[in-house]
Amino acid sequence: MRITSDIEKPVLECLKRLQKKEKSRWAKIASLLLAEALSRESSRKPSEARLRWISAPMGAKVDLADKAALYREMETPWCPMRTSPQSCGCMG
């Protein structure tokens, strides 16, 4: 079957190298390579491609009912070393 397709330049160059090495038409080589890739893809188990979502409870770092504490926390610069409001000295 004949089709028209756009092939990226590096892929076409690789096909042409294989053509010289195999002494076969590059369209036949491309067809065989594509068939192999499609076969591998169809034989892959669906579970291999599934996304596994990992979650854990984070817990509140501040009482959301305490407006003053909430605003104080929002105005404090974030620091990865800080585990409590006064534990990090890197922000001054």
N, C-alpha and C. Protein backbone atom coordinates (compact mmCIF):
# COMPACT_ATOMS: atom_id res chain seq x y z
N MET A 1 0.84 -1.17 0.00
CA MET A 1 0.00 0.00 0.00
C MET A 1 0.89 1.24 0.00
N ARG A 2 0.50 2.21 -0.76
CA ARG A 2 1.28 3.42 -0.91
C ARG A 2 0.63 4.55 -0.12
N ILE A 3 1.45 5.27 0.67
CA ILE A 3 0.96 6.43 1.41
C ILE A 3 1.97 7.56 1.30
N THR A 4 1.54 8.74 1.66
CA THR A 4 2.45 9.88 1.76
C THR A 4 2.53 10.27 3.22
N SER A 5 3.74 10.44 3.71
CA SER A 5 3.92 10.76 5.11
C SER A 5 5.11 11.69 5.28
N ASP A 6 5.05 12.55 6.29
CA ASP A 6 6.18 13.41 6.63
C ASP A 6 7.06 12.65 7.63
N ILE A 7 8.33 12.55 7.33
CA ILE A 7 9.28 11.87 8.20
C ILE A 7 10.35 12.88 8.60
N GLU A 8 10.65 12.92 9.88
CA GLU A 8 11.69 13.83 10.36
C GLU A 8 13.02 13.50 9.69
N LYS A 9 13.82 14.54 9.45
CA LYS A 9 15.08 14.38 8.73
C LYS A 9 16.02 13.35 9.38
N PRO A 10 16.23 13.38 10.72
CA PRO A 10 17.13 12.37 11.31
C PRO A 10 16.62 10.94 11.12
N VAL A 11 15.31 10.76 11.16
CA VAL A 11 14.74 9.43 10.97
C VAL A 11 14.96 8.96 9.53
N LEU A 12 14.73 9.85 8.58
CA LEU A 12 14.94 9.52 7.18
C LEU A 12 16.41 9.18 6.91
N GLU A 13 17.33 9.94 7.50
CA GLU A 13 18.76 9.66 7.33
C GLU A 13 19.11 8.28 7.87
N CYS A 14 18.53 7.94 9.02
CA CYS A 14 18.77 6.62 9.61
C CYS A 14 18.21 5.52 8.71
N LEU A 15 17.03 5.75 8.16
CA LEU A 15 16.44 4.77 7.23
C LEU A 15 17.31 4.58 6.00
N LYS A 16 17.86 5.66 5.49
CA LYS A 16 18.72 5.56 4.31
C LYS A 16 20.01 4.81 4.62
N ARG A 17 20.57 5.00 5.84
CA ARG A 17 21.75 4.24 6.24
C ARG A 17 21.42 2.75 6.32
N LEU A 18 20.27 2.44 6.92
CA LEU A 18 19.84 1.05 7.00
C LEU A 18 19.59 0.46 5.61
N GLN A 19 19.09 1.28 4.71
CA GLN A 19 18.83 0.85 3.34
C GLN A 19 20.13 0.37 2.68
N LYS A 20 21.19 1.16 2.86
CA LYS A 20 22.48 0.77 2.27
C LYS A 20 23.03 -0.50 2.92
N LYS A 21 22.87 -0.57 4.24
CA LYS A 21 23.38 -1.72 4.98
C LYS A 21 22.60 -3.00 4.64
N GLU A 22 21.30 -2.92 4.60
CA GLU A 22 20.44 -4.08 4.36
C GLU A 22 20.23 -4.38 2.88
N LYS A 23 20.56 -3.41 2.04
CA LYS A 23 20.34 -3.53 0.59
C LYS A 23 18.87 -3.85 0.29
N SER A 24 18.01 -3.02 0.86
CA SER A 24 16.57 -3.18 0.70
C SER A 24 15.96 -1.78 0.56
N ARG A 25 14.71 -1.72 0.13
CA ARG A 25 14.05 -0.42 0.01
C ARG A 25 13.83 0.17 1.40
N TRP A 26 14.03 1.49 1.54
CA TRP A 26 13.86 2.09 2.86
C TRP A 26 12.41 2.04 3.30
N ALA A 27 11.46 2.04 2.37
CA ALA A 27 10.04 1.94 2.74
C ALA A 27 9.75 0.58 3.38
N LYS A 28 10.39 -0.46 2.88
CA LYS A 28 10.19 -1.79 3.45
C LYS A 28 10.80 -1.85 4.85
N ILE A 29 11.98 -1.25 5.01
CA ILE A 29 12.64 -1.21 6.32
C ILE A 29 11.78 -0.43 7.31
N ALA A 30 11.27 0.71 6.87
CA ALA A 30 10.41 1.53 7.73
C ALA A 30 9.16 0.75 8.14
N SER A 31 8.59 0.02 7.20
CA SER A 31 7.39 -0.77 7.48
C SER A 31 7.67 -1.85 8.52
N LEU A 32 8.81 -2.54 8.38
CA LEU A 32 9.18 -3.58 9.35
C LEU A 32 9.42 -2.99 10.74
N LEU A 33 10.14 -1.88 10.80
CA LEU A 33 10.42 -1.24 12.09
C LEU A 33 9.13 -0.75 12.75
N LEU A 34 8.25 -0.18 11.97
CA LEU A 34 6.97 0.29 12.49
C LEU A 34 6.13 -0.88 12.99
N ALA A 35 6.12 -1.98 12.25
CA ALA A 35 5.37 -3.17 12.67
C ALA A 35 5.91 -3.71 13.99
N GLU A 36 7.24 -3.74 14.15
CA GLU A 36 7.84 -4.20 15.41
C GLU A 36 7.43 -3.31 16.58
N ALA A 37 7.50 -2.00 16.37
CA ALA A 37 7.13 -1.06 17.44
C ALA A 37 5.66 -1.19 17.81
N LEU A 38 4.80 -1.34 16.82
CA LEU A 38 3.37 -1.49 17.10
C LEU A 38 3.08 -2.80 17.81
N SER A 39 3.81 -3.84 17.46
CA SER A 39 3.63 -5.14 18.11
C SER A 39 4.02 -5.05 19.59
N ARG A 40 5.15 -4.40 19.87
CA ARG A 40 5.58 -4.22 21.27
C ARG A 40 4.54 -3.41 22.03
N GLU A 41 4.03 -2.37 21.42
CA GLU A 41 3.06 -1.49 22.07
C GLU A 41 1.77 -2.24 22.38
N SER A 42 1.30 -3.06 21.43
CA SER A 42 0.04 -3.78 21.65
C SER A 42 0.20 -4.92 22.65
N SER A 43 1.42 -5.43 22.81
CA SER A 43 1.62 -6.53 23.75
C SER A 43 1.87 -6.03 25.18
N ARG A 44 2.06 -4.73 25.36
CA ARG A 44 2.29 -4.18 26.69
C ARG A 44 1.01 -4.29 27.51
N LYS A 45 1.16 -4.67 28.76
CA LYS A 45 0.01 -4.80 29.65
C LYS A 45 -0.54 -3.41 29.98
N PRO A 46 -1.86 -3.27 30.04
CA PRO A 46 -2.45 -1.97 30.36
C PRO A 46 -2.01 -1.44 31.72
N SER A 47 -1.72 -2.31 32.66
CA SER A 47 -1.33 -1.86 34.00
C SER A 47 0.02 -1.15 33.99
N GLU A 48 0.86 -1.42 32.99
CA GLU A 48 2.17 -0.77 32.92
C GLU A 48 2.05 0.72 32.66
N ALA A 49 1.00 1.13 31.97
CA ALA A 49 0.87 2.52 31.60
C ALA A 49 -0.02 3.31 32.57
N ARG A 50 -0.55 2.66 33.57
CA ARG A 50 -1.46 3.33 34.49
C ARG A 50 -0.73 4.24 35.45
N LEU A 51 -1.34 5.34 35.77
CA LEU A 51 -0.80 6.29 36.73
C LEU A 51 -1.17 5.83 38.13
N ARG A 52 -0.21 5.82 39.01
CA ARG A 52 -0.47 5.45 40.39
C ARG A 52 -0.34 6.69 41.24
N TRP A 53 -1.43 7.12 41.83
CA TRP A 53 -1.46 8.34 42.62
C TRP A 53 -1.14 8.00 44.06
N ILE A 54 -0.12 8.65 44.61
CA ILE A 54 0.27 8.42 45.99
C ILE A 54 -0.13 9.65 46.79
N SER A 55 -0.84 9.43 47.88
CA SER A 55 -1.25 10.56 48.72
C SER A 55 -1.08 10.20 50.18
N ALA A 56 -0.96 11.23 50.99
CA ALA A 56 -0.83 11.05 52.43
C ALA A 56 -1.41 12.28 53.11
N PRO A 57 -1.97 12.12 54.30
CA PRO A 57 -2.51 13.28 55.00
C PRO A 57 -1.38 14.26 55.34
N MET A 58 -1.60 15.53 55.10
CA MET A 58 -0.57 16.53 55.34
C MET A 58 -0.70 17.15 56.73
N GLY A 59 -1.90 17.26 57.23
CA GLY A 59 -2.10 17.87 58.54
C GLY A 59 -1.96 19.39 58.45
N ALA A 60 -2.70 20.07 59.26
CA ALA A 60 -2.67 21.54 59.25
C ALA A 60 -1.46 22.04 60.02
N LYS A 61 -0.77 23.03 59.48
CA LYS A 61 0.38 23.64 60.15
C LYS A 61 -0.05 24.85 60.99
N VAL A 62 -1.26 25.30 60.75
CA VAL A 62 -1.77 26.46 61.48
C VAL A 62 -3.28 26.26 61.66
N ASP A 63 -3.80 26.76 62.76
CA ASP A 63 -5.23 26.67 63.03
C ASP A 63 -5.95 27.66 62.12
N LEU A 64 -6.75 27.14 61.18
CA LEU A 64 -7.43 28.00 60.21
C LEU A 64 -8.49 28.87 60.85
N ALA A 65 -8.94 28.53 62.03
CA ALA A 65 -9.93 29.35 62.75
C ALA A 65 -9.28 30.56 63.40
N ASP A 66 -7.96 30.52 63.61
CA ASP A 66 -7.23 31.64 64.23
C ASP A 66 -6.72 32.56 63.13
N LYS A 67 -7.49 33.66 62.88
CA LYS A 67 -7.15 34.56 61.76
C LYS A 67 -5.77 35.17 61.91
N ALA A 68 -5.41 35.57 63.12
CA ALA A 68 -4.10 36.19 63.34
C ALA A 68 -2.98 35.22 63.00
N ALA A 69 -3.10 33.98 63.43
CA ALA A 69 -2.07 32.97 63.13
C ALA A 69 -2.03 32.68 61.64
N LEU A 70 -3.19 32.63 61.01
CA LEU A 70 -3.26 32.38 59.58
C LEU A 70 -2.56 33.48 58.79
N TYR A 71 -2.87 34.76 59.10
CA TYR A 71 -2.23 35.86 58.38
C TYR A 71 -0.73 35.92 58.67
N ARG A 72 -0.33 35.63 59.90
CA ARG A 72 1.09 35.62 60.26
C ARG A 72 1.82 34.56 59.41
N GLU A 73 1.21 33.40 59.27
CA GLU A 73 1.81 32.32 58.48
C GLU A 73 1.89 32.68 57.01
N MET A 74 0.84 33.33 56.48
CA MET A 74 0.84 33.70 55.06
C MET A 74 1.87 34.79 54.76
N GLU A 75 2.18 35.63 55.72
CA GLU A 75 3.14 36.72 55.50
C GLU A 75 4.59 36.29 55.76
N THR A 76 4.80 35.12 56.34
CA THR A 76 6.15 34.64 56.62
C THR A 76 6.73 34.02 55.36
N PRO A 77 7.95 34.42 54.95
CA PRO A 77 8.57 33.82 53.76
C PRO A 77 8.74 32.31 53.97
N TRP A 78 8.56 31.57 52.88
CA TRP A 78 8.68 30.12 52.95
C TRP A 78 10.13 29.69 52.99
N CYS A 79 10.42 28.68 53.80
CA CYS A 79 11.78 28.13 53.87
C CYS A 79 11.66 26.62 54.03
N PRO A 80 12.37 25.84 53.22
CA PRO A 80 12.27 24.38 53.32
C PRO A 80 12.83 23.82 54.63
N MET A 81 13.66 24.60 55.33
CA MET A 81 14.26 24.14 56.58
C MET A 81 13.34 24.37 57.78
N ARG A 82 12.28 25.13 57.57
CA ARG A 82 11.42 25.51 58.69
C ARG A 82 10.39 24.42 58.98
N THR A 83 10.40 23.92 60.21
CA THR A 83 9.40 22.94 60.63
C THR A 83 8.42 23.54 61.62
N SER A 84 8.80 24.65 62.22
CA SER A 84 7.90 25.38 63.12
C SER A 84 8.15 26.87 62.88
N PRO A 85 7.25 27.76 63.33
CA PRO A 85 7.41 29.19 63.03
C PRO A 85 8.74 29.79 63.42
N GLN A 86 9.38 29.32 64.47
CA GLN A 86 10.65 29.92 64.91
C GLN A 86 11.86 29.02 64.69
N SER A 87 11.73 27.90 64.01
CA SER A 87 12.84 26.96 63.92
C SER A 87 13.89 27.31 62.87
N CYS A 88 13.59 28.19 61.94
CA CYS A 88 14.54 28.49 60.89
C CYS A 88 15.15 29.87 61.09
N GLY A 89 16.46 29.95 61.06
CA GLY A 89 17.14 31.22 61.24
C GLY A 89 17.59 31.83 59.92
N CYS A 90 17.33 31.18 58.79
CA CYS A 90 17.87 31.66 57.53
C CYS A 90 17.11 32.87 56.98
N MET A 91 15.92 33.13 57.47
CA MET A 91 15.14 34.27 56.97
C MET A 91 15.28 35.50 57.86
N GLY A 92 16.11 35.43 58.87
CA GLY A 92 16.38 36.60 59.70
C GLY A 92 15.54 36.76 60.90
